[in-house]
Amino acid sequence: MKGEVHAVCLSEAKGTAKHEVDEARLVADHGMAGDAHAGKWHRQVSLLATEKVDRFRETGIDVENGAFGENMLVSGIDLAALPVGTILFVGDAQLEVTQIGKICHTRCRIYDTVGDCIMPREGIFARVLKGGAIRKGDPVHVS
């Protein structure tokens, strides 16, 4: 399976929306440099399929890239269908899928802002096995 990075996003502080950046550096066993959610845990990087966000936008709600808290939007791959343990090669980096979706115990800021949050249903999380630069247009390969 092959896809492409559609957007790279980060937020410098928890509780703030992620914003799109031209390039970011993934750090092994940490996550995205400069992102508030990076750290030594299993959800170092979050990914969401571009097609799922586009489908959400078709409901008439315009959201910016990063609005659902995703570090990367990826086109061409049904990310939520990948099993835990899948290896992804993104640009120079290597990721391992550690979680599909998440449980939201309360409505998050995203839900309060746009009326729904697709990350719990469609997002995936990964840890960084090998760091490297990532940018829009980079290929994504599933292993």
Protein backbone atom coordinates (compact mmCIF):
# COMPACT_ATOMS: atom_id res chain seq x y z
CA MET A 1 0.00 0.00 0.00
CA LYS A 2 1.23 3.46 -0.85
CA GLY A 3 -0.01 6.91 0.07
CA GLU A 4 1.18 10.47 0.41
CA VAL A 5 1.48 13.04 3.19
CA HIS A 6 -1.17 15.67 2.53
CA ALA A 7 -0.38 17.90 5.55
CA VAL A 8 1.99 18.07 8.54
CA CYS A 9 0.61 19.75 11.67
CA LEU A 10 1.71 20.49 15.22
CA SER A 11 0.74 22.45 18.30
CA GLU A 12 3.23 23.92 20.72
CA ALA A 13 0.86 23.73 23.71
CA LYS A 14 -1.76 21.21 24.81
CA GLY A 15 -5.31 22.46 24.48
CA THR A 16 -4.52 24.51 21.38
CA ALA A 17 -5.34 23.64 17.77
CA LYS A 18 -2.63 22.14 15.61
CA HIS A 19 -1.51 24.26 12.67
CA GLU A 20 0.04 23.25 9.38
CA VAL A 21 3.81 23.53 8.93
CA ASP A 22 5.99 23.08 5.85
CA GLU A 23 8.24 20.49 7.45
CA ALA A 24 8.72 18.75 10.78
CA ARG A 25 11.25 16.41 12.32
CA LEU A 26 10.20 13.13 13.88
CA VAL A 27 12.42 12.05 16.76
CA ALA A 28 12.88 8.35 17.58
CA ASP A 29 10.91 7.24 20.66
CA HIS A 30 9.61 10.79 21.20
CA GLY A 31 7.36 12.02 18.38
CA MET A 32 7.26 15.28 16.44
CA ALA A 33 9.81 17.84 17.59
CA GLY A 34 8.03 20.89 18.97
CA ASP A 35 4.63 19.18 19.33
CA ALA A 36 3.05 19.34 22.79
CA HIS A 37 1.80 15.73 22.58
CA ALA A 38 5.20 14.20 21.86
CA GLY A 39 6.85 12.17 24.59
CA LYS A 40 7.88 8.73 25.71
CA TRP A 41 4.50 6.99 25.30
CA HIS A 42 2.58 4.98 22.71
CA ARG A 43 0.74 7.92 21.07
CA GLN A 44 3.73 9.95 19.88
CA VAL A 45 2.27 10.81 16.47
CA SER A 46 -1.35 10.95 15.28
CA LEU A 47 -2.46 10.30 11.70
CA LEU A 48 -5.76 10.77 9.92
CA ALA A 49 -6.81 9.87 6.37
CA THR A 50 -7.34 12.91 4.14
CA GLU A 51 -10.36 11.20 2.59
CA LYS A 52 -12.10 11.02 6.01
CA VAL A 53 -11.55 14.74 6.60
CA ASP A 54 -12.81 15.51 3.08
CA ARG A 55 -15.97 13.48 3.78
CA PHE A 56 -16.46 15.48 6.99
CA ARG A 57 -16.06 18.73 5.03
CA GLU A 58 -18.79 17.56 2.64
CA THR A 59 -21.26 17.99 5.54
CA GLY A 60 -20.74 21.73 5.16
CA ILE A 61 -18.30 22.29 8.00
CA ASP A 62 -15.04 23.84 6.87
CA VAL A 63 -12.13 22.72 9.04
CA GLU A 64 -8.46 23.53 8.70
CA ASN A 65 -5.80 20.85 8.42
CA GLY A 66 -4.89 19.89 11.98
CA ALA A 67 -8.38 20.68 13.34
CA PHE A 68 -8.87 17.13 14.65
CA GLY A 69 -5.53 17.10 16.44
CA GLU A 70 -3.74 15.11 13.75
CA ASN A 71 -0.01 15.46 13.17
CA MET A 72 -0.32 14.09 9.65
CA LEU A 73 -3.02 13.88 7.04
CA VAL A 74 -2.31 10.98 4.69
CA SER A 75 -4.08 10.33 1.39
CA GLY A 76 -4.40 7.00 -0.39
CA ILE A 77 -4.42 4.68 2.66
CA ASP A 78 -7.35 3.63 4.85
CA LEU A 79 -5.39 4.22 8.05
CA ALA A 80 -8.14 3.05 10.43
CA ALA A 81 -8.10 -0.38 8.72
CA LEU A 82 -4.41 -0.97 9.48
CA PRO A 83 -3.70 -3.39 12.33
CA VAL A 84 -1.69 -2.43 15.38
CA GLY A 85 1.95 -3.28 14.71
CA THR A 86 1.89 -2.11 11.09
CA ILE A 87 5.09 -0.34 10.06
CA LEU A 88 4.79 2.90 8.09
CA PHE A 89 7.65 4.52 6.20
CA VAL A 90 7.03 8.28 5.96
CA GLY A 91 9.68 10.34 4.22
CA ASP A 92 12.90 9.54 6.08
CA ALA A 93 11.07 8.25 9.18
CA GLN A 94 9.68 4.90 10.29
CA LEU A 95 6.59 4.54 12.50
CA GLU A 96 4.82 1.64 14.21
CA VAL A 97 1.03 1.79 14.57
CA THR A 98 0.23 1.44 18.28
CA GLN A 99 -3.46 2.34 18.53
CA ILE A 100 -6.49 2.62 16.26
CA GLY A 101 -8.91 5.32 17.38
CA LYS A 102 -9.30 6.44 20.95
CA ILE A 103 -11.90 6.75 23.64
CA CYS A 104 -13.07 10.26 24.43
CA HIS A 105 -14.62 10.28 27.87
CA THR A 106 -15.91 13.82 27.46
CA ARG A 107 -16.53 16.02 24.48
CA CYS A 108 -13.23 17.59 23.52
CA ARG A 109 -12.48 21.10 22.33
CA ILE A 110 -12.64 19.87 18.73
CA TYR A 111 -16.15 18.51 19.28
CA ASP A 112 -17.24 21.75 20.96
CA THR A 113 -15.83 23.81 18.08
CA VAL A 114 -17.03 21.85 15.03
CA GLY A 115 -19.82 19.65 16.42
CA ASP A 116 -18.08 16.31 15.89
CA CYS A 117 -14.65 14.76 16.17
CA ILE A 118 -13.62 12.01 13.78
CA MET A 119 -10.28 11.28 15.48
CA PRO A 120 -11.78 8.75 17.95
CA ARG A 121 -13.27 6.77 15.03
CA GLU A 122 -10.80 7.31 12.22
CA GLY A 123 -7.48 8.41 13.69
CA ILE A 124 -4.50 6.20 14.39
CA PHE A 125 -1.52 6.65 16.65
CA ALA A 126 2.07 5.56 16.24
CA ARG A 127 5.43 5.62 17.92
CA VAL A 128 8.52 6.75 16.06
CA LEU A 129 10.98 3.91 15.44
CA LYS A 130 13.34 5.95 13.25
CA GLY A 131 13.36 9.72 13.13
CA GLY A 132 13.67 11.97 10.13
CA ALA A 133 12.25 14.94 8.29
CA ILE A 134 8.70 14.79 6.95
CA ARG A 135 6.90 17.20 4.66
CA LYS A 136 3.81 17.51 2.50
CA GLY A 137 4.13 15.31 -0.59
CA ASP A 138 6.35 12.68 1.05
CA PRO A 139 5.46 9.10 0.13
CA VAL A 140 3.96 6.80 2.77
CA HIS A 141 4.58 3.07 2.42
CA VAL A 142 2.89 0.35 4.49
CA SER A 143 4.98 -2.64 5.49
